[in-house]
């Protein structure tokens, strides 16, 4: 059984995405990987083309329309467009600010080789880093305190599409494996990118995410107007965070260490 990986991106450098690290983590386990660029106006495409020199199993596709929908629907549209360029039995969907941990590789390959238990899709655990690069939002938080899910469906048969805001693929629950959640790790760095980039990303995304009339969080706009750094304590309490007890994925350790130097340590 063959495994493909896909990512789509837009202005990854401007918004400080760990896109090169994301690509490397997929290329390490997938037979082929596709990265779809959606009208980046910075040097993202140049970076992607440099990545193709490192990975023989990587293809870069350009020309996708970024504003293909007025709200978050564009995320699923672009995720599915990226996936459409794969010719594999299985698919792993990753976002441009996420890195797949290499500890997950053996389990992933075993799942697709054996079609473990007759399942066609598998849950993944997403660590949503927050505050600094050594902490993440606790999995047992009340749902309303979670800015995004920490249990996502990313490994599945290729015919299953991305849905909603592309956090997961839509699958048949009768063929979904729940036991995989602690075996497949995705590390999400979206909330711990460099401060000014994070502020700009939040403002940009929240301005279109919910469609016409969307407004970015006033606290984030205040940070920008007053030339302040992103203050995570305005959004979460220290008790909402748990300390990371293992190493970052090897692909993102350098990226994470560079950004941690710029942030005050929590403890």
Protein backbone atom coordinates (compact mmCIF):
# COMPACT_ATOMS: atom_id res chain seq x y z
CA UNK A 1 0.00 0.00 0.00
CA UNK A 2 1.31 3.45 -0.91
CA UNK A 3 1.16 6.56 1.26
CA UNK A 4 0.95 10.15 0.05
CA UNK A 5 1.24 13.35 2.03
CA UNK A 6 -0.11 16.80 1.28
CA UNK A 7 0.14 20.38 2.51
CA UNK A 8 -1.16 23.64 1.12
CA UNK A 9 0.32 26.99 1.95
CA UNK A 10 0.01 30.74 1.46
CA UNK A 11 2.72 33.24 2.45
CA UNK A 12 4.49 30.80 4.74
CA UNK A 13 7.52 33.05 5.19
CA UNK A 14 5.57 36.23 5.88
CA UNK A 15 3.60 34.47 8.62
CA UNK A 16 6.50 32.38 10.00
CA UNK A 17 5.19 28.91 9.20
CA UNK A 18 7.47 25.94 9.80
CA UNK A 19 6.78 24.83 6.24
CA UNK A 20 10.22 23.35 5.48
CA UNK A 21 10.01 21.33 8.69
CA UNK A 22 6.47 20.19 7.85
CA UNK A 23 7.60 19.01 4.43
CA UNK A 24 10.59 17.14 5.84
CA UNK A 25 8.41 15.31 8.35
CA UNK A 26 6.07 14.05 5.62
CA UNK A 27 8.82 13.18 3.17
CA UNK A 28 10.37 10.97 5.83
CA UNK A 29 7.44 8.54 5.82
CA UNK A 30 5.46 9.08 2.60
CA UNK A 31 6.07 7.61 -0.83
CA UNK A 32 5.11 10.92 -2.42
CA UNK A 33 4.36 14.38 -1.05
CA UNK A 34 2.57 17.29 -2.72
CA UNK A 35 2.75 20.89 -1.54
CA UNK A 36 0.21 23.24 -3.11
CA UNK A 37 0.97 26.95 -3.05
CA UNK A 38 -1.99 29.33 -3.17
CA UNK A 39 -0.79 32.63 -4.62
CA UNK A 40 1.97 33.40 -2.14
CA UNK A 41 3.30 36.94 -2.56
CA UNK A 42 6.48 36.45 -0.53
CA UNK A 43 9.35 34.05 -1.29
CA UNK A 44 7.48 30.91 -0.23
CA UNK A 45 7.62 29.34 -3.70
CA UNK A 46 11.39 29.81 -3.81
CA UNK A 47 11.65 28.00 -0.47
CA UNK A 48 9.42 25.18 -1.70
CA UNK A 49 11.52 24.75 -4.82
CA UNK A 50 14.64 24.54 -2.66
CA UNK A 51 12.97 21.72 -0.73
CA UNK A 52 12.51 19.72 -3.94
CA UNK A 53 16.31 19.56 -4.21
CA UNK A 54 16.42 17.74 -0.87
CA UNK A 55 13.54 15.31 -1.36
CA UNK A 56 13.03 13.19 -4.45
CA UNK A 57 9.50 12.32 -3.37
CA UNK A 58 8.33 15.96 -3.21
CA UNK A 59 6.34 17.85 -5.85
CA UNK A 60 5.39 21.52 -5.69
CA UNK A 61 2.20 22.67 -7.40
CA UNK A 62 1.52 26.38 -7.94
CA UNK A 63 -1.37 28.37 -9.33
CA UNK A 64 -4.09 27.59 -6.78
CA UNK A 65 -6.40 30.50 -6.02
CA UNK A 66 -6.11 31.66 -2.40
CA UNK A 67 -9.48 33.43 -2.17
CA UNK A 68 -11.35 30.49 -3.70
CA UNK A 69 -14.06 30.91 -1.05
CA UNK A 70 -15.16 33.79 1.16
CA UNK A 71 -14.68 32.01 4.48
CA UNK A 72 -13.01 28.96 6.04
CA UNK A 73 -14.42 26.77 3.25
CA UNK A 74 -11.33 27.71 1.27
CA UNK A 75 -9.21 25.62 3.62
CA UNK A 76 -10.96 22.36 2.76
CA UNK A 77 -11.07 23.32 -0.92
CA UNK A 78 -7.31 23.85 -1.00
CA UNK A 79 -6.58 20.75 1.09
CA UNK A 80 -8.59 18.65 -1.34
CA UNK A 81 -6.95 20.27 -4.34
CA UNK A 82 -3.54 19.40 -2.91
CA UNK A 83 -4.63 15.80 -2.28
CA UNK A 84 -6.00 15.49 -5.81
CA UNK A 85 -2.43 15.45 -7.16
CA UNK A 86 -1.57 12.25 -5.27
CA UNK A 87 -1.64 8.78 -6.76
CA UNK A 88 -1.59 6.74 -3.55
CA UNK A 89 -3.87 4.39 -1.65
CA UNK A 90 -3.48 6.24 1.65
CA UNK A 91 -3.08 9.88 2.53
CA UNK A 92 -1.69 11.92 5.42
CA UNK A 93 -2.92 15.52 5.54
CA UNK A 94 -0.72 18.04 7.32
CA UNK A 95 -1.05 21.79 7.77
CA UNK A 96 1.81 24.17 7.06
CA UNK A 97 2.37 25.01 10.76
CA UNK A 98 2.40 21.37 11.89
CA UNK A 99 5.13 18.73 12.05
CA UNK A 100 4.59 14.98 12.15
CA UNK A 101 6.73 13.37 14.86
CA UNK A 102 9.06 10.65 13.60
CA UNK A 103 8.06 8.41 16.51
CA UNK A 104 4.78 7.92 14.61
CA UNK A 105 6.41 6.48 11.49
CA UNK A 106 6.45 2.76 12.40
CA UNK A 107 2.81 2.81 13.48
CA UNK A 108 1.71 4.68 10.34
CA UNK A 109 3.51 2.29 8.01
CA UNK A 110 2.09 -0.71 9.87
CA UNK A 111 -1.43 0.72 9.64
CA UNK A 112 -1.36 1.09 5.89
CA UNK A 113 0.52 -2.15 5.30
CA UNK A 114 -1.84 -4.34 7.27
CA UNK A 115 -4.95 -2.14 7.08
CA UNK A 116 -4.95 -2.73 10.80
CA UNK A 117 -8.27 -4.06 12.05
CA UNK A 118 -9.96 -3.31 8.75
CA UNK A 119 -9.86 0.40 9.53
CA UNK A 120 -9.76 3.01 6.77
CA UNK A 121 -8.87 6.02 8.91
CA UNK A 122 -6.99 6.75 12.13
CA UNK A 123 -7.10 9.44 14.79
CA UNK A 124 -3.98 11.51 15.49
CA UNK A 125 -3.04 13.44 18.62
CA UNK A 126 -2.28 17.11 18.01
CA UNK A 127 -0.11 18.95 20.53
CA UNK A 128 -1.17 22.60 20.34
CA UNK A 129 1.88 24.44 21.66
CA UNK A 130 1.03 27.61 23.56
CA UNK A 131 2.76 30.18 25.74
CA UNK A 132 6.24 29.07 24.78
CA UNK A 133 7.86 26.21 22.89
CA UNK A 134 7.97 23.99 25.99
CA UNK A 135 4.24 23.92 26.78
CA UNK A 136 0.99 22.90 25.14
CA UNK A 137 -2.71 23.23 25.86
CA UNK A 138 -3.85 20.39 28.10
CA UNK A 139 -5.92 17.71 26.40
CA UNK A 140 -8.48 17.66 29.22
CA UNK A 141 -9.42 21.33 28.90
CA UNK A 142 -13.09 22.14 28.52
CA UNK A 143 -13.92 22.30 24.83
CA UNK A 144 -14.67 26.03 24.83
CA UNK A 145 -11.11 26.70 26.02
CA UNK A 146 -9.57 24.94 23.04
CA UNK A 147 -8.86 27.21 20.05
CA UNK A 148 -8.59 24.09 17.88
CA UNK A 149 -8.92 20.35 18.27
CA UNK A 150 -6.24 18.12 19.79
CA UNK A 151 -7.76 14.97 18.28
CA UNK A 152 -7.81 15.04 14.48
CA UNK A 153 -8.24 12.56 11.63
CA UNK A 154 -5.34 12.89 9.20
CA UNK A 155 -4.37 9.35 8.16
CA UNK A 156 -7.02 7.85 5.90
CA UNK A 157 -7.75 6.26 2.58
CA UNK A 158 -7.15 8.85 -0.11
CA UNK A 159 -10.77 8.97 -1.26
CA UNK A 160 -11.85 10.58 2.03
CA UNK A 161 -12.03 14.40 1.64
CA UNK A 162 -11.00 17.22 3.96
CA UNK A 163 -14.05 18.85 5.52
CA UNK A 164 -14.95 22.06 7.35
CA UNK A 165 -11.84 24.12 8.04
CA UNK A 166 -9.61 21.15 7.09
CA UNK A 167 -8.78 20.16 10.66
CA UNK A 168 -9.77 16.61 9.74
CA UNK A 169 -10.92 14.48 6.86
CA UNK A 170 -14.51 13.33 6.76
CA UNK A 171 -14.70 9.57 7.21
CA UNK A 172 -17.08 6.71 7.85
CA UNK A 173 -17.09 6.34 11.67
CA UNK A 174 -17.59 2.58 11.32
CA UNK A 175 -14.06 2.33 9.89
CA UNK A 176 -12.33 4.87 12.17
CA UNK A 177 -9.66 3.68 14.62
CA UNK A 178 -9.69 5.54 17.95
CA UNK A 179 -6.86 3.54 19.51
CA UNK A 180 -4.32 5.30 17.27
CA UNK A 181 -4.64 8.66 18.98
CA UNK A 182 -1.58 8.28 21.20
CA UNK A 183 0.44 6.55 18.48
CA UNK A 184 0.37 9.30 15.86
CA UNK A 185 1.68 12.69 17.02
CA UNK A 186 1.28 16.02 15.24
CA UNK A 187 2.99 19.05 16.76
CA UNK A 188 1.17 22.30 16.01
CA UNK A 189 3.35 25.42 16.14
CA UNK A 190 0.77 27.95 14.96
CA UNK A 191 0.40 29.70 18.33
CA UNK A 192 4.13 29.97 19.08
CA UNK A 193 5.52 31.48 15.91
CA UNK A 194 7.46 34.74 16.22
CA UNK A 195 5.40 37.41 17.99
CA UNK A 196 4.91 40.00 15.24
CA UNK A 197 4.27 37.28 12.66
CA UNK A 198 1.71 35.67 14.97
CA UNK A 199 -0.11 38.97 15.42
CA UNK A 200 -0.19 39.60 11.67
CA UNK A 201 -1.35 36.05 10.98
CA UNK A 202 -4.22 36.27 13.48
CA UNK A 203 -5.38 39.59 12.07
CA UNK A 204 -5.18 38.36 8.50
CA UNK A 205 -6.96 35.05 9.13
CA UNK A 206 -9.71 36.35 11.39
CA UNK A 207 -10.53 39.03 8.83
CA UNK A 208 -11.86 36.42 6.39
CA UNK A 209 -12.32 33.18 8.33
CA UNK A 210 -16.00 33.68 9.21
CA UNK A 211 -16.89 35.45 5.99
CA UNK A 212 -18.11 38.95 5.25
CA UNK A 213 -17.90 41.28 8.25
CA UNK A 214 -15.35 39.19 10.15
CA UNK A 215 -13.28 41.21 12.58
CA UNK A 216 -9.97 40.23 14.19
CA UNK A 217 -9.76 39.96 17.97
CA UNK A 218 -9.52 43.48 19.40
CA UNK A 219 -6.78 42.38 21.81
CA UNK A 220 -4.56 41.33 18.91
CA UNK A 221 -5.25 44.56 17.04
CA UNK A 222 -4.24 46.41 20.21
CA UNK A 223 -0.93 44.53 20.30
CA UNK A 224 -0.21 45.62 16.75
CA UNK A 225 -1.33 49.24 17.17
CA UNK A 226 0.75 49.65 20.32
CA UNK A 227 3.72 47.78 18.84
CA UNK A 228 3.53 45.15 21.57
CA UNK A 229 4.51 41.49 21.44
CA UNK A 230 1.82 38.80 21.48
CA UNK A 231 0.74 38.31 25.11
CA UNK A 232 -0.63 34.79 25.48
CA UNK A 233 -1.78 35.47 29.08
CA UNK A 234 -4.60 37.62 27.67
CA UNK A 235 -6.11 34.43 26.25
CA UNK A 236 -5.21 31.53 28.56
CA UNK A 237 -4.31 30.83 32.18
CA UNK A 238 -1.09 29.14 33.20
CA UNK A 239 -3.14 26.21 34.54
CA UNK A 240 -4.41 25.59 31.00
CA UNK A 241 -0.91 24.55 29.94
CA UNK A 242 1.07 21.35 30.41
CA UNK A 243 4.82 21.02 30.15
CA UNK A 244 6.26 19.00 27.28
CA UNK A 245 7.98 15.92 28.66
CA UNK A 246 9.56 14.64 25.45
CA UNK A 247 11.65 15.99 22.59
CA UNK A 248 10.24 17.98 19.70
CA UNK A 249 10.21 16.22 16.34
CA UNK A 250 13.78 16.15 15.05
CA UNK A 251 12.74 18.18 12.02
CA UNK A 252 11.57 21.16 14.06
CA UNK A 253 14.02 21.23 17.00
CA UNK A 254 16.18 23.97 15.48
CA UNK A 255 13.13 26.00 14.42
CA UNK A 256 11.65 25.70 17.92
CA UNK A 257 14.91 26.49 19.73
CA UNK A 258 15.40 29.69 17.71
CA UNK A 259 11.94 30.95 18.63
CA UNK A 260 12.17 29.89 22.25
CA UNK A 261 15.18 32.20 22.66
CA UNK A 262 12.87 35.11 21.81
CA UNK A 263 10.19 34.21 24.35
CA UNK A 264 10.20 34.45 28.14
CA UNK A 265 10.30 30.92 29.59
CA UNK A 266 7.24 29.89 31.60
CA UNK A 267 9.24 27.90 34.17
